[in-house]
Amino acid sequence: MISVIFDLDGTLVDSEPNYYESGRRTLERHGVPDFTWEQHARFIGIGTMETLEILKERYGIPAPVEQLLAEQNAAYLELARTRTEVFPQMRKFVERLYAEGVPMAVASGSSLEAIDAVLAGTGLDALLTTVVSAEEVAHGKPAPDVFLEAARRLGARPADCVVVEDATPGALAAHAAGMGCVVVPYATDIADDPAFASAGLLFRGGRAQFTADAAHDWLTARRTA
């Protein structure tokens, strides 16, 4: 039986505005007042800890990365509980798979606390009960660790899993894990990225093109192949 593993941020939910704002506030507090969305966008798909490690070094921030992470998580949680939206077609897809009894998990670079806050705030926690955070494994995406741990918790072979992703690190991680991958790029201008070449299904138009029906049809064909 096919199991489906969802990335969270940018795939299931529109959380990037919250991540940007929480990161901007944190950097501003530490003397970096002009962090832009364009700068933030380069880190989409990479775990928060890894992102902060890079930014700490880049801007010469003296505070420990653990402190930066705690501050950003606190700001993010405040935003996530009330301002996170689920992409409508993704919610429809999850609800359909749930009704069919398809095993599902969330595997994300976010902290476990942040994942739980988003799922609870959007009601997805009732449908997606298996959750893996990158902070629980040795290496975040593009390493395969988080997806392999999700498969282990689902009791599924990696070859029987399909990952749903929006970013290149996640697509690379899925490939490294030996899993199928459905890609819904967070931006259409990255649809030709070589990291997506191994995707079983690529929605080149991004979220505007993605439909639950198309994803479900592809998954059904894969299950019966």
Protein backbone atom coordinates (compact mmCIF):
# COMPACT_ATOMS: atom_id res chain seq x y z
CA MET A 1 0.00 0.00 0.00
CA ILE A 2 1.23 3.48 -0.85
CA SER A 3 1.92 5.85 2.05
CA VAL A 4 2.01 9.62 1.54
CA ILE A 5 4.42 11.93 3.35
CA PHE A 6 3.70 15.65 3.20
CA ASP A 7 6.08 18.51 3.63
CA LEU A 8 4.31 21.18 5.69
CA ASP A 9 5.46 24.69 4.96
CA GLY A 10 4.62 25.88 1.47
CA THR A 11 3.14 22.50 0.59
CA LEU A 12 0.18 21.96 2.90
CA VAL A 13 0.00 25.44 4.35
CA ASP A 14 0.95 28.98 3.37
CA SER A 15 3.35 29.50 6.24
CA GLU A 16 6.19 31.31 4.51
CA PRO A 17 4.82 34.79 5.30
CA ASN A 18 4.88 33.81 8.98
CA TYR A 19 8.40 32.41 8.75
CA TYR A 20 9.62 35.51 6.99
CA GLU A 21 8.04 37.86 9.51
CA SER A 22 9.29 35.90 12.53
CA GLY A 23 12.78 35.74 11.05
CA ARG A 24 12.74 39.43 10.15
CA ARG A 25 11.74 40.36 13.70
CA THR A 26 14.47 38.17 15.17
CA LEU A 27 17.20 39.55 12.92
CA GLU A 28 16.05 43.11 13.54
CA ARG A 29 16.35 42.52 17.28
CA HIS A 30 19.97 41.53 16.70
CA GLY A 31 20.99 44.48 14.57
CA VAL A 32 19.95 43.37 11.08
CA PRO A 33 17.12 45.79 10.16
CA ASP A 34 16.82 45.24 6.42
CA PHE A 35 16.25 41.51 5.88
CA THR A 36 14.10 41.25 2.77
CA TRP A 37 11.63 38.71 1.42
CA GLU A 38 14.03 38.05 -1.47
CA GLN A 39 16.76 37.13 0.97
CA HIS A 40 14.37 34.93 2.92
CA ALA A 41 13.23 33.15 -0.26
CA ARG A 42 16.71 31.67 -0.76
CA PHE A 43 16.23 29.61 2.39
CA ILE A 44 12.78 28.23 1.59
CA GLY A 45 12.83 24.46 2.09
CA ILE A 46 15.80 24.55 4.47
CA GLY A 47 15.35 23.94 8.21
CA THR A 48 15.14 26.94 10.55
CA MET A 49 18.23 25.90 12.53
CA GLU A 50 20.36 25.56 9.40
CA THR A 51 19.08 28.89 8.12
CA LEU A 52 19.91 30.68 11.36
CA GLU A 53 23.38 29.14 11.48
CA ILE A 54 24.10 30.62 8.05
CA LEU A 55 22.60 34.02 8.88
CA LYS A 56 24.39 34.22 12.22
CA GLU A 57 27.72 33.77 10.46
CA ARG A 58 26.83 36.04 7.55
CA TYR A 59 25.82 38.97 9.73
CA GLY A 60 28.25 38.34 12.58
CA ILE A 61 25.50 37.99 15.19
CA PRO A 62 27.10 37.25 18.57
CA ALA A 63 24.07 35.58 20.15
CA PRO A 64 24.10 31.73 20.26
CA VAL A 65 22.13 30.09 17.48
CA GLU A 66 20.01 28.34 20.13
CA GLN A 67 18.89 31.75 21.40
CA LEU A 68 18.06 32.93 17.88
CA LEU A 69 16.07 29.76 17.28
CA ALA A 70 14.12 30.17 20.52
CA GLU A 71 13.30 33.80 19.68
CA GLN A 72 12.21 33.01 16.13
CA ASN A 73 10.14 30.03 17.24
CA ALA A 74 8.33 32.15 19.83
CA ALA A 75 7.54 34.81 17.23
CA TYR A 76 6.50 32.19 14.69
CA LEU A 77 4.23 30.33 17.10
CA GLU A 78 2.42 33.55 17.90
CA LEU A 79 1.74 34.05 14.19
CA ALA A 80 1.16 30.39 13.29
CA ARG A 81 -1.70 29.79 15.71
CA THR A 82 -3.90 32.45 14.16
CA ARG A 83 -2.59 33.37 10.70
CA THR A 84 -1.86 30.10 8.87
CA GLU A 85 -3.97 29.07 5.88
CA VAL A 86 -4.23 25.60 4.37
CA PHE A 87 -4.13 25.51 0.58
CA PRO A 88 -7.72 24.47 -0.28
CA GLN A 89 -6.83 21.76 -2.81
CA MET A 90 -4.27 20.30 -0.43
CA ARG A 91 -6.86 20.07 2.33
CA LYS A 92 -9.18 18.33 -0.13
CA PHE A 93 -6.40 15.89 -1.08
CA VAL A 94 -5.60 15.07 2.55
CA GLU A 95 -9.28 14.59 3.40
CA ARG A 96 -9.72 12.24 0.46
CA LEU A 97 -6.70 10.13 1.37
CA TYR A 98 -7.81 10.03 5.00
CA ALA A 99 -11.25 8.80 3.99
CA GLU A 100 -9.60 6.02 1.99
CA GLY A 101 -7.40 4.96 4.89
CA VAL A 102 -4.13 5.89 3.19
CA PRO A 103 -1.29 6.11 5.77
CA MET A 104 -0.02 9.68 5.94
CA ALA A 105 2.67 11.65 7.75
CA VAL A 106 4.09 15.15 7.92
CA ALA A 107 7.87 15.50 7.64
CA SER A 108 9.13 19.04 8.04
CA GLY A 109 12.21 21.13 8.68
CA SER A 110 10.24 23.10 11.27
CA SER A 111 10.45 22.48 14.99
CA LEU A 112 8.04 19.95 16.46
CA GLU A 113 6.35 22.69 18.46
CA ALA A 114 5.84 24.77 15.30
CA ILE A 115 4.46 21.80 13.36
CA ASP A 116 2.01 20.99 16.15
CA ALA A 117 0.89 24.62 16.38
CA VAL A 118 0.17 24.81 12.65
CA LEU A 119 -1.64 21.47 12.49
CA ALA A 120 -3.75 22.32 15.56
CA GLY A 121 -4.50 25.83 14.34
CA THR A 122 -5.69 24.59 10.95
CA GLY A 123 -7.50 21.44 12.10
CA LEU A 124 -5.17 19.18 10.14
CA ASP A 125 -4.07 17.52 13.37
CA ALA A 126 -7.20 15.35 13.23
CA LEU A 127 -6.09 13.93 9.87
CA LEU A 128 -2.32 13.90 10.13
CA THR A 129 -1.23 12.26 13.36
CA THR A 130 2.25 11.02 12.41
CA VAL A 131 4.70 13.93 12.52
CA VAL A 132 8.48 14.11 12.14
CA SER A 133 10.56 17.23 12.66
CA ALA A 134 14.07 17.71 11.33
CA GLU A 135 15.13 18.40 14.92
CA GLU A 136 14.44 14.72 15.65
CA VAL A 137 16.92 13.39 13.08
CA ALA A 138 20.63 13.81 12.41
CA HIS A 139 20.37 15.84 9.21
CA GLY A 140 17.67 18.03 7.68
CA LYS A 141 16.71 18.17 4.01
CA PRO A 142 18.21 17.67 1.44
CA ALA A 143 19.40 14.65 3.45
CA PRO A 144 16.74 11.88 3.45
CA ASP A 145 16.65 11.39 7.23
CA VAL A 146 13.31 13.05 7.97
CA PHE A 147 11.49 11.09 5.25
CA LEU A 148 13.09 7.80 6.22
CA GLU A 149 12.03 8.35 9.82
CA ALA A 150 8.48 9.12 8.68
CA ALA A 151 8.41 5.86 6.70
CA ARG A 152 9.70 3.97 9.73
CA ARG A 153 6.96 5.38 11.93
CA LEU A 154 4.34 4.51 9.34
CA GLY A 155 5.71 0.98 9.08
CA ALA A 156 6.24 1.47 5.35
CA ARG A 157 9.11 0.66 3.01
CA PRO A 158 10.64 3.80 1.46
CA ALA A 159 9.86 2.42 -2.00
CA ASP A 160 6.17 2.36 -1.04
CA CYS A 161 6.13 6.02 -0.03
CA VAL A 162 5.32 9.14 -2.03
CA VAL A 163 6.47 12.55 -0.83
CA VAL A 164 4.56 15.76 -1.59
CA GLU A 165 6.94 18.73 -1.72
CA ASP A 166 7.25 22.34 -2.88
CA ALA A 167 10.99 22.99 -2.67
CA THR A 168 14.22 21.63 -4.11
CA PRO A 169 15.79 20.41 -0.83
CA GLY A 170 12.70 18.29 -0.20
CA ALA A 171 12.68 16.85 -3.70
CA LEU A 172 16.34 15.94 -3.36
CA ALA A 173 15.65 14.36 0.04
CA ALA A 174 12.78 12.29 -1.39
CA HIS A 175 14.99 11.05 -4.22
CA ALA A 176 17.79 10.21 -1.79
CA ALA A 177 15.28 8.27 0.34
CA GLY A 178 14.23 6.20 -2.67
CA MET A 179 10.68 7.55 -2.59
CA GLY A 180 8.34 8.82 -5.29
CA CYS A 181 7.70 12.54 -5.30
CA VAL A 182 4.89 14.91 -6.25
CA VAL A 183 6.20 18.44 -6.64
CA VAL A 184 4.11 21.60 -6.41
CA PRO A 185 6.78 24.33 -6.75
CA TYR A 186 6.37 27.25 -4.36
CA ALA A 187 7.26 29.50 -7.30
CA THR A 188 6.75 28.75 -10.97
CA ASP A 189 10.17 30.10 -11.90
CA ILE A 190 11.86 27.16 -10.17
CA ALA A 191 9.85 24.49 -12.00
CA ASP A 192 12.80 23.72 -14.30
CA ASP A 193 15.24 23.19 -11.43
CA PRO A 194 17.21 19.96 -11.98
CA ALA A 195 16.24 18.84 -8.47
CA PHE A 196 12.71 18.26 -9.77
CA ALA A 197 13.82 16.10 -12.70
CA SER A 198 13.20 12.87 -10.79
CA ALA A 199 9.68 13.86 -9.68
CA GLY A 200 6.98 11.42 -10.64
CA LEU A 201 4.47 14.25 -10.98
CA LEU A 202 5.37 17.91 -11.39
CA PHE A 203 2.79 20.68 -11.35
CA ARG A 204 4.79 23.21 -13.34
CA GLY A 205 2.24 25.93 -12.66
CA GLY A 206 2.63 25.50 -8.91
CA ARG A 207 -0.29 25.86 -6.54
CA ALA A 208 -2.46 27.48 -9.22
CA GLN A 209 -2.25 24.26 -11.24
CA PHE A 210 -2.43 21.71 -8.44
CA THR A 211 -5.72 19.89 -7.93
CA ALA A 212 -6.60 17.12 -5.51
CA ASP A 213 -8.17 15.16 -8.34
CA ALA A 214 -5.03 15.20 -10.51
CA ALA A 215 -2.80 14.18 -7.61
CA HIS A 216 -5.21 11.46 -6.57
CA ASP A 217 -5.47 10.08 -10.11
CA TRP A 218 -1.68 9.86 -10.36
CA LEU A 219 -1.43 8.18 -6.97
CA THR A 220 -4.13 5.67 -7.91
CA ALA A 221 -2.30 4.80 -11.11
CA ARG A 222 0.90 4.30 -9.13
CA ARG A 223 -0.87 2.05 -6.63
CA THR A 224 -2.31 -0.17 -9.35
CA ALA A 225 0.80 -0.27 -11.55
